[in-house]
Amino acid sequence: CWNYQPLFLSCNYNTNDNCSSTSSSKKKNYLELTDDELFRECEMDTYKSLGPGGQHHNKHESAVRLKHIPTGFIAQAAEDRS
């Protein structure tokens, strides 16, 4: 059985680009976007996660990272055997 555990969430939100220079009427409400619309604004990459798990764990892409381009939010998740 595989369990997926979130590793961390970080933000590199640049207030100069997204808050100060735009009026509140032009700000995008990301909570109103559909999943597909939100995903189109993201970059996704997979990588080999570190830690226990044997040969299979270290040889295959076992983690994923999503970065939301407009805000700089990054979310990561890795699989964990139980």
Protein backbone atom coordinates (compact mmCIF):
# COMPACT_ATOMS: atom_id res chain seq x y z
CA CYS A 1 0.00 0.00 0.00
CA TRP A 2 1.31 3.46 -0.89
CA ASN A 3 0.74 6.51 1.29
CA TYR A 4 1.37 9.97 -0.12
CA GLN A 5 2.65 12.50 2.38
CA PRO A 6 2.99 16.24 1.66
CA LEU A 7 6.52 17.40 2.39
CA PHE A 8 6.16 21.17 2.60
CA LEU A 9 4.54 24.24 1.16
CA SER A 10 6.55 27.38 0.50
CA CYS A 11 5.89 30.77 -0.99
CA ASN A 12 8.08 33.24 -2.82
CA TYR A 13 5.24 35.72 -3.23
CA ASN A 14 6.51 39.00 -4.64
CA THR A 15 4.25 41.77 -3.38
CA ASN A 16 5.72 44.27 -5.84
CA ASP A 17 4.44 42.26 -8.82
CA ASN A 18 1.08 41.12 -7.52
CA CYS A 19 -0.24 43.55 -4.90
CA SER A 20 1.22 47.04 -4.93
CA SER A 21 1.13 47.71 -8.64
CA THR A 22 -2.41 46.43 -9.32
CA SER A 23 -5.77 47.58 -8.08
CA SER A 24 -7.94 45.18 -6.10
CA SER A 25 -10.36 44.87 -9.02
CA LYS A 26 -7.61 43.37 -11.21
CA LYS A 27 -6.43 40.76 -8.68
CA LYS A 28 -7.26 37.17 -9.58
CA ASN A 29 -9.25 35.11 -7.09
CA TYR A 30 -7.49 31.74 -7.36
CA LEU A 31 -10.16 30.03 -5.25
CA GLU A 32 -12.69 30.60 -8.03
CA LEU A 33 -10.58 28.81 -10.68
CA THR A 34 -11.38 25.26 -11.74
CA ASP A 35 -8.75 22.60 -11.12
CA ASP A 36 -7.86 22.58 -14.83
CA GLU A 37 -7.46 26.37 -14.95
CA LEU A 38 -5.27 26.35 -11.85
CA PHE A 39 -3.16 23.44 -13.11
CA ARG A 40 -2.46 25.30 -16.39
CA GLU A 41 -0.80 28.02 -14.30
CA CYS A 42 1.57 25.49 -12.69
CA GLU A 43 4.84 23.76 -13.54
CA MET A 44 5.16 20.12 -12.50
CA ASP A 45 8.31 18.05 -12.18
CA THR A 46 9.10 14.64 -10.74
CA TYR A 47 12.28 13.58 -9.00
CA LYS A 48 13.85 10.83 -6.93
CA SER A 49 13.00 11.39 -3.29
CA LEU A 50 15.49 10.61 -0.55
CA GLY A 51 15.15 8.26 2.38
CA PRO A 52 14.44 4.60 3.07
CA GLY A 53 12.67 2.46 0.52
CA GLY A 54 15.27 0.21 -1.01
CA GLN A 55 16.41 -0.09 -4.59
CA HIS A 56 13.04 0.71 -6.16
CA HIS A 57 12.69 3.93 -4.18
CA ASN A 58 16.10 5.26 -5.22
CA LYS A 59 15.89 4.37 -8.94
CA HIS A 60 12.45 5.72 -9.87
CA GLU A 61 10.82 9.11 -9.83
CA SER A 62 9.03 8.87 -6.49
CA ALA A 63 8.14 12.49 -5.69
CA VAL A 64 6.36 15.36 -7.41
CA ARG A 65 6.72 19.13 -7.13
CA LEU A 66 4.13 21.69 -8.29
CA LYS A 67 4.94 25.39 -8.63
CA HIS A 68 2.20 27.96 -9.16
CA ILE A 69 3.91 30.45 -11.48
CA PRO A 70 1.91 33.64 -10.71
CA THR A 71 2.33 33.40 -6.92
CA GLY A 72 5.49 31.31 -6.52
CA PHE A 73 3.78 28.79 -4.23
CA ILE A 74 5.53 25.40 -4.24
CA ALA A 75 4.00 22.12 -3.04
CA GLN A 76 5.80 18.77 -2.89
CA ALA A 77 4.67 15.24 -2.16
CA ALA A 78 6.53 11.93 -1.98
CA GLU A 79 5.38 8.35 -1.80
CA ASP A 80 6.02 6.35 1.33
CA ARG A 81 5.66 2.60 1.74
CA SER A 82 3.90 1.38 4.85
